[in-house]
């Protein structure tokens, strides 16, 4: 297996581990995959991920807690709709990372912290 493929698979595993109703940032995924500050690589990994993986790509947002796709685009609307369906709420176009996830949160925190009403 190529070194690039190994990096991508580490990212895909981290994205797959994001629980329903939670989000993670591109940078947070990179750090959890052991890739330091390579947030852009996370975006690339999601772009080239095989559809058969069925990754919850919509749970990955930027460091401000916002959707990175351009506002008004079909991709933005789809991601927004999927997150709302999972109970993630937006305020002024952003997600409160303190409630729904954070770049530094570990999996235990994402799974067991109190959920919003």
N, C-alpha and C. Protein backbone atom coordinates (compact mmCIF):
# COMPACT_ATOMS: atom_id res chain seq x y z
N UNK A 1 0.84 -1.17 0.00
CA UNK A 1 0.00 0.00 0.00
C UNK A 1 0.89 1.24 0.00
N UNK A 2 0.52 2.23 -0.80
CA UNK A 2 1.33 3.44 -0.91
C UNK A 2 1.23 4.28 0.37
N UNK A 3 2.23 5.12 0.57
CA UNK A 3 2.25 6.00 1.74
C UNK A 3 1.07 6.96 1.70
N UNK A 4 0.74 7.46 0.50
CA UNK A 4 -0.40 8.38 0.38
C UNK A 4 -1.69 7.68 0.79
N UNK A 5 -1.88 6.47 0.31
CA UNK A 5 -3.09 5.72 0.64
C UNK A 5 -3.19 5.50 2.15
N UNK A 6 -2.08 5.23 2.81
CA UNK A 6 -2.08 5.04 4.26
C UNK A 6 -2.53 6.32 4.98
N UNK A 7 -2.05 7.47 4.53
CA UNK A 7 -2.48 8.74 5.12
C UNK A 7 -3.97 8.95 4.94
N UNK A 8 -4.44 8.70 3.72
CA UNK A 8 -5.87 8.87 3.44
C UNK A 8 -6.71 7.95 4.32
N UNK A 9 -6.27 6.72 4.48
CA UNK A 9 -7.04 5.78 5.29
C UNK A 9 -7.08 6.18 6.76
N UNK A 10 -6.00 6.78 7.26
CA UNK A 10 -6.02 7.29 8.64
C UNK A 10 -7.06 8.38 8.79
N UNK A 11 -7.13 9.26 7.81
CA UNK A 11 -8.13 10.33 7.84
C UNK A 11 -9.53 9.74 7.74
N UNK A 12 -9.74 8.82 6.82
CA UNK A 12 -11.07 8.23 6.65
C UNK A 12 -11.54 7.55 7.93
N UNK A 13 -10.63 6.88 8.65
CA UNK A 13 -11.01 6.23 9.92
C UNK A 13 -11.48 7.26 10.94
N UNK A 14 -10.77 8.39 11.00
CA UNK A 14 -11.15 9.43 11.97
C UNK A 14 -12.50 10.04 11.61
N UNK A 15 -12.73 10.28 10.34
CA UNK A 15 -14.02 10.84 9.91
C UNK A 15 -15.13 9.84 10.20
N UNK A 16 -14.90 8.58 9.93
CA UNK A 16 -15.91 7.55 10.18
C UNK A 16 -16.27 7.45 11.66
N UNK A 17 -15.36 7.84 12.54
CA UNK A 17 -15.58 7.75 13.98
C UNK A 17 -16.35 8.92 14.57
N UNK A 18 -16.66 9.94 13.79
CA UNK A 18 -17.40 11.09 14.31
C UNK A 18 -18.84 10.63 14.58
N UNK A 19 -19.29 10.72 15.82
CA UNK A 19 -20.64 10.26 16.14
C UNK A 19 -21.73 11.13 15.52
N UNK A 20 -22.86 10.54 15.29
CA UNK A 20 -24.04 11.24 14.79
C UNK A 20 -24.37 12.40 15.74
N UNK A 21 -24.69 13.55 15.18
CA UNK A 21 -25.03 14.72 15.98
C UNK A 21 -23.83 15.50 16.49
N UNK A 22 -22.64 15.11 16.07
CA UNK A 22 -21.41 15.80 16.45
C UNK A 22 -20.69 16.24 15.19
N UNK A 23 -19.78 17.18 15.36
CA UNK A 23 -18.94 17.61 14.25
C UNK A 23 -17.49 17.63 14.69
N UNK A 24 -16.60 17.65 13.72
CA UNK A 24 -15.17 17.82 13.96
C UNK A 24 -14.66 18.78 12.91
N UNK A 25 -13.57 19.44 13.22
CA UNK A 25 -12.98 20.36 12.25
C UNK A 25 -11.97 19.62 11.39
N UNK A 26 -11.66 20.20 10.25
CA UNK A 26 -10.63 19.63 9.38
C UNK A 26 -9.32 19.49 10.15
N UNK A 27 -8.95 20.53 10.88
CA UNK A 27 -7.72 20.49 11.66
C UNK A 27 -7.77 19.46 12.77
N UNK A 28 -8.91 19.31 13.41
CA UNK A 28 -9.05 18.32 14.47
C UNK A 28 -8.90 16.91 13.93
N UNK A 29 -9.46 16.65 12.77
CA UNK A 29 -9.31 15.34 12.14
C UNK A 29 -7.84 15.09 11.81
N UNK A 30 -7.17 16.09 11.27
CA UNK A 30 -5.74 15.95 10.94
C UNK A 30 -4.94 15.61 12.18
N UNK A 31 -5.18 16.31 13.28
CA UNK A 31 -4.44 16.05 14.51
C UNK A 31 -4.72 14.64 15.04
N UNK A 32 -5.99 14.24 15.03
CA UNK A 32 -6.33 12.90 15.53
C UNK A 32 -5.75 11.80 14.65
N UNK A 33 -5.53 12.11 13.38
CA UNK A 33 -4.92 11.13 12.47
C UNK A 33 -3.40 11.17 12.55
N UNK A 34 -2.86 12.03 13.43
CA UNK A 34 -1.42 12.13 13.59
C UNK A 34 -0.74 12.92 12.49
N UNK A 35 -1.50 13.83 11.87
CA UNK A 35 -0.97 14.59 10.75
C UNK A 35 -0.78 16.07 11.06
N UNK A 36 -0.73 16.40 12.33
CA UNK A 36 -0.46 17.78 12.73
C UNK A 36 -1.43 18.78 12.13
N UNK A 37 -0.89 19.76 11.44
CA UNK A 37 -1.68 20.87 10.93
C UNK A 37 -2.03 20.71 9.45
N UNK A 38 -2.28 19.51 9.01
CA UNK A 38 -2.54 19.26 7.59
C UNK A 38 -4.04 19.20 7.30
N UNK A 39 -4.75 20.23 7.70
CA UNK A 39 -6.20 20.29 7.51
C UNK A 39 -6.59 20.19 6.04
N UNK A 40 -5.80 20.78 5.17
CA UNK A 40 -6.14 20.73 3.74
C UNK A 40 -6.09 19.31 3.19
N UNK A 41 -5.22 18.50 3.76
CA UNK A 41 -5.16 17.10 3.35
C UNK A 41 -6.47 16.39 3.71
N UNK A 42 -7.09 16.79 4.80
CA UNK A 42 -8.38 16.20 5.19
C UNK A 42 -9.42 16.53 4.12
N UNK A 43 -9.45 17.77 3.67
CA UNK A 43 -10.38 18.15 2.61
C UNK A 43 -10.14 17.33 1.36
N UNK A 44 -8.88 17.15 1.00
CA UNK A 44 -8.55 16.35 -0.17
C UNK A 44 -8.99 14.90 0.03
N UNK A 45 -8.74 14.35 1.21
CA UNK A 45 -9.11 12.96 1.50
C UNK A 45 -10.62 12.76 1.36
N UNK A 46 -11.39 13.73 1.79
CA UNK A 46 -12.85 13.62 1.66
C UNK A 46 -13.26 13.70 0.19
N UNK A 47 -12.57 14.53 -0.56
CA UNK A 47 -12.89 14.69 -1.98
C UNK A 47 -12.65 13.40 -2.76
N UNK A 48 -11.58 12.68 -2.42
CA UNK A 48 -11.22 11.48 -3.19
C UNK A 48 -11.70 10.19 -2.54
N UNK A 49 -12.41 10.28 -1.43
CA UNK A 49 -12.87 9.08 -0.73
C UNK A 49 -13.84 8.28 -1.61
N UNK A 50 -13.65 6.98 -1.67
CA UNK A 50 -14.59 6.14 -2.42
C UNK A 50 -15.99 6.23 -1.81
N UNK A 51 -16.99 6.36 -2.65
CA UNK A 51 -18.37 6.44 -2.16
C UNK A 51 -18.75 5.22 -1.33
N UNK A 52 -18.15 4.08 -1.64
CA UNK A 52 -18.46 2.84 -0.91
C UNK A 52 -18.13 2.94 0.58
N UNK A 53 -17.26 3.88 0.97
CA UNK A 53 -16.94 4.05 2.39
C UNK A 53 -18.10 4.65 3.17
N UNK A 54 -18.97 5.37 2.47
CA UNK A 54 -20.13 6.01 3.11
C UNK A 54 -19.72 6.84 4.33
N UNK A 55 -18.70 7.65 4.14
CA UNK A 55 -18.20 8.49 5.23
C UNK A 55 -19.19 9.59 5.59
N UNK A 56 -19.28 9.94 6.86
CA UNK A 56 -20.13 11.06 7.27
C UNK A 56 -19.39 12.39 7.05
N UNK A 57 -19.06 12.67 5.80
CA UNK A 57 -18.29 13.87 5.43
C UNK A 57 -18.96 15.14 5.90
N UNK A 58 -20.28 15.10 6.01
CA UNK A 58 -21.03 16.30 6.39
C UNK A 58 -20.76 16.71 7.84
N UNK A 59 -20.14 15.86 8.62
CA UNK A 59 -19.83 16.18 10.01
C UNK A 59 -18.50 16.91 10.17
N UNK A 60 -17.84 17.23 9.07
CA UNK A 60 -16.56 17.93 9.12
C UNK A 60 -16.78 19.38 8.68
N UNK A 61 -16.40 20.30 9.56
CA UNK A 61 -16.59 21.73 9.31
C UNK A 61 -15.26 22.46 9.50
N UNK A 62 -15.25 23.74 9.18
CA UNK A 62 -14.01 24.50 9.32
C UNK A 62 -13.79 24.93 10.78
N UNK A 63 -12.67 25.55 11.04
CA UNK A 63 -12.28 25.91 12.41
C UNK A 63 -13.22 26.91 13.06
N UNK A 64 -14.00 27.64 12.27
CA UNK A 64 -14.98 28.59 12.82
C UNK A 64 -16.31 27.91 13.13
N UNK A 65 -16.40 26.61 12.82
CA UNK A 65 -17.66 25.90 13.03
C UNK A 65 -18.64 26.13 11.92
N UNK A 66 -18.15 26.52 10.76
CA UNK A 66 -19.01 26.81 9.61
C UNK A 66 -18.76 25.80 8.49
N UNK A 67 -19.73 25.70 7.62
CA UNK A 67 -19.60 24.86 6.43
C UNK A 67 -18.66 25.57 5.46
N UNK A 68 -17.74 24.81 4.88
CA UNK A 68 -16.75 25.41 3.99
C UNK A 68 -17.22 25.60 2.56
N UNK A 69 -18.23 24.86 2.14
CA UNK A 69 -18.74 25.05 0.78
C UNK A 69 -19.34 26.45 0.66
N UNK A 70 -19.30 27.04 -0.52
CA UNK A 70 -19.85 28.39 -0.70
C UNK A 70 -21.33 28.45 -0.32
N UNK A 71 -21.69 29.48 0.42
CA UNK A 71 -23.09 29.68 0.79
C UNK A 71 -23.94 29.76 -0.47
N UNK A 72 -25.03 29.06 -0.49
CA UNK A 72 -25.91 29.06 -1.64
C UNK A 72 -25.63 27.93 -2.62
N UNK A 73 -24.52 27.21 -2.42
CA UNK A 73 -24.21 26.09 -3.32
C UNK A 73 -25.03 24.86 -2.93
N UNK A 74 -25.16 23.94 -3.86
CA UNK A 74 -25.89 22.69 -3.59
C UNK A 74 -25.20 21.90 -2.49
N UNK A 75 -23.86 21.89 -2.49
CA UNK A 75 -23.12 21.14 -1.47
C UNK A 75 -23.35 21.73 -0.08
N UNK A 76 -23.37 23.06 0.01
CA UNK A 76 -23.62 23.73 1.28
C UNK A 76 -25.01 23.36 1.79
N UNK A 77 -26.00 23.43 0.92
CA UNK A 77 -27.37 23.11 1.32
C UNK A 77 -27.48 21.66 1.78
N UNK A 78 -26.83 20.74 1.09
CA UNK A 78 -26.88 19.33 1.46
C UNK A 78 -26.23 19.10 2.82
N UNK A 79 -25.06 19.68 3.05
CA UNK A 79 -24.39 19.51 4.33
C UNK A 79 -25.21 20.12 5.45
N UNK A 80 -25.74 21.29 5.24
CA UNK A 80 -26.58 21.96 6.24
C UNK A 80 -27.79 21.11 6.58
N UNK A 81 -28.45 20.59 5.58
CA UNK A 81 -29.64 19.76 5.77
C UNK A 81 -29.30 18.48 6.55
N UNK A 82 -28.21 17.83 6.19
CA UNK A 82 -27.81 16.60 6.90
C UNK A 82 -27.48 16.85 8.35
N UNK A 83 -26.79 17.95 8.63
CA UNK A 83 -26.46 18.27 10.02
C UNK A 83 -27.72 18.60 10.82
N UNK A 84 -28.61 19.38 10.25
CA UNK A 84 -29.87 19.68 10.94
C UNK A 84 -30.64 18.40 11.24
N UNK A 85 -30.67 17.48 10.30
CA UNK A 85 -31.37 16.21 10.49
C UNK A 85 -30.80 15.42 11.66
N UNK A 86 -29.51 15.60 11.95
CA UNK A 86 -28.86 14.91 13.06
C UNK A 86 -28.97 15.68 14.37
N UNK A 87 -29.63 16.82 14.35
CA UNK A 87 -29.82 17.59 15.57
C UNK A 87 -28.79 18.68 15.81
N UNK A 88 -27.88 18.89 14.88
CA UNK A 88 -26.87 19.94 15.01
C UNK A 88 -27.54 21.27 14.67
N UNK A 89 -27.38 22.25 15.52
CA UNK A 89 -28.02 23.55 15.33
C UNK A 89 -26.98 24.61 14.99
N UNK A 90 -27.42 25.55 14.17
CA UNK A 90 -26.58 26.66 13.72
C UNK A 90 -27.06 27.95 14.35
N UNK A 91 -26.13 28.83 14.62
CA UNK A 91 -26.46 30.18 15.06
C UNK A 91 -25.61 31.11 14.21
N UNK A 92 -26.28 31.95 13.45
CA UNK A 92 -25.59 32.89 12.53
C UNK A 92 -24.64 32.13 11.60
N UNK A 93 -25.08 30.98 11.12
CA UNK A 93 -24.31 30.22 10.16
C UNK A 93 -23.18 29.39 10.72
N UNK A 94 -23.08 29.33 12.05
CA UNK A 94 -22.00 28.58 12.68
C UNK A 94 -22.55 27.57 13.69
N UNK A 95 -21.73 26.56 13.94
CA UNK A 95 -22.04 25.52 14.91
C UNK A 95 -21.20 25.80 16.15
N UNK A 96 -21.80 25.69 17.32
CA UNK A 96 -21.06 25.87 18.57
C UNK A 96 -20.21 24.62 18.79
N UNK A 97 -18.91 24.74 18.58
CA UNK A 97 -18.02 23.60 18.71
C UNK A 97 -17.90 23.13 20.16
N UNK A 98 -18.23 24.00 21.10
CA UNK A 98 -18.23 23.61 22.51
C UNK A 98 -19.36 22.65 22.84
N UNK A 99 -20.43 22.68 22.06
CA UNK A 99 -21.56 21.79 22.27
C UNK A 99 -21.48 20.56 21.38
N UNK A 100 -21.20 20.78 20.11
CA UNK A 100 -21.29 19.70 19.12
C UNK A 100 -19.97 19.05 18.76
N UNK A 101 -18.89 19.56 19.28
CA UNK A 101 -17.58 18.97 18.98
C UNK A 101 -16.53 20.05 18.97
N UNK A 102 -15.29 19.64 18.91
CA UNK A 102 -14.22 20.63 18.82
C UNK A 102 -13.00 19.98 18.19
N UNK A 103 -12.09 20.80 17.74
CA UNK A 103 -10.88 20.30 17.08
C UNK A 103 -10.04 19.44 18.03
N UNK A 104 -10.05 19.75 19.31
CA UNK A 104 -9.21 19.03 20.26
C UNK A 104 -9.94 17.91 20.99
N UNK A 105 -11.24 17.79 20.80
CA UNK A 105 -12.00 16.77 21.54
C UNK A 105 -11.56 15.37 21.16
N UNK A 106 -11.49 14.52 22.17
CA UNK A 106 -11.19 13.13 21.85
C UNK A 106 -12.51 12.38 21.70
N UNK A 107 -12.45 11.15 21.27
CA UNK A 107 -13.65 10.39 20.99
C UNK A 107 -14.50 10.22 22.24
N UNK A 108 -13.89 10.00 23.42
CA UNK A 108 -14.67 9.86 24.65
C UNK A 108 -15.50 11.11 24.92
N UNK A 109 -14.89 12.28 24.74
CA UNK A 109 -15.63 13.52 24.96
C UNK A 109 -16.78 13.66 23.97
N UNK A 110 -16.54 13.31 22.71
CA UNK A 110 -17.60 13.40 21.72
C UNK A 110 -18.75 12.45 22.04
N UNK A 111 -18.44 11.28 22.55
CA UNK A 111 -19.47 10.28 22.82
C UNK A 111 -20.24 10.53 24.12
N UNK A 112 -19.56 10.99 25.16
CA UNK A 112 -20.16 10.97 26.49
C UNK A 112 -20.49 12.31 27.10
N UNK A 113 -20.10 13.42 26.52
CA UNK A 113 -20.45 14.71 27.12
C UNK A 113 -21.97 14.92 27.01
N UNK A 114 -22.53 15.75 27.87
CA UNK A 114 -23.98 15.98 27.81
C UNK A 114 -24.41 16.54 26.46
N UNK A 115 -25.51 16.07 25.96
CA UNK A 115 -26.05 16.51 24.67
C UNK A 115 -26.95 17.72 24.88
N UNK A 116 -27.02 18.60 23.90
CA UNK A 116 -27.92 19.75 24.01
C UNK A 116 -29.38 19.28 23.96
N UNK A 117 -30.27 20.09 24.51
CA UNK A 117 -31.71 19.71 24.51
C UNK A 117 -32.29 19.68 23.11
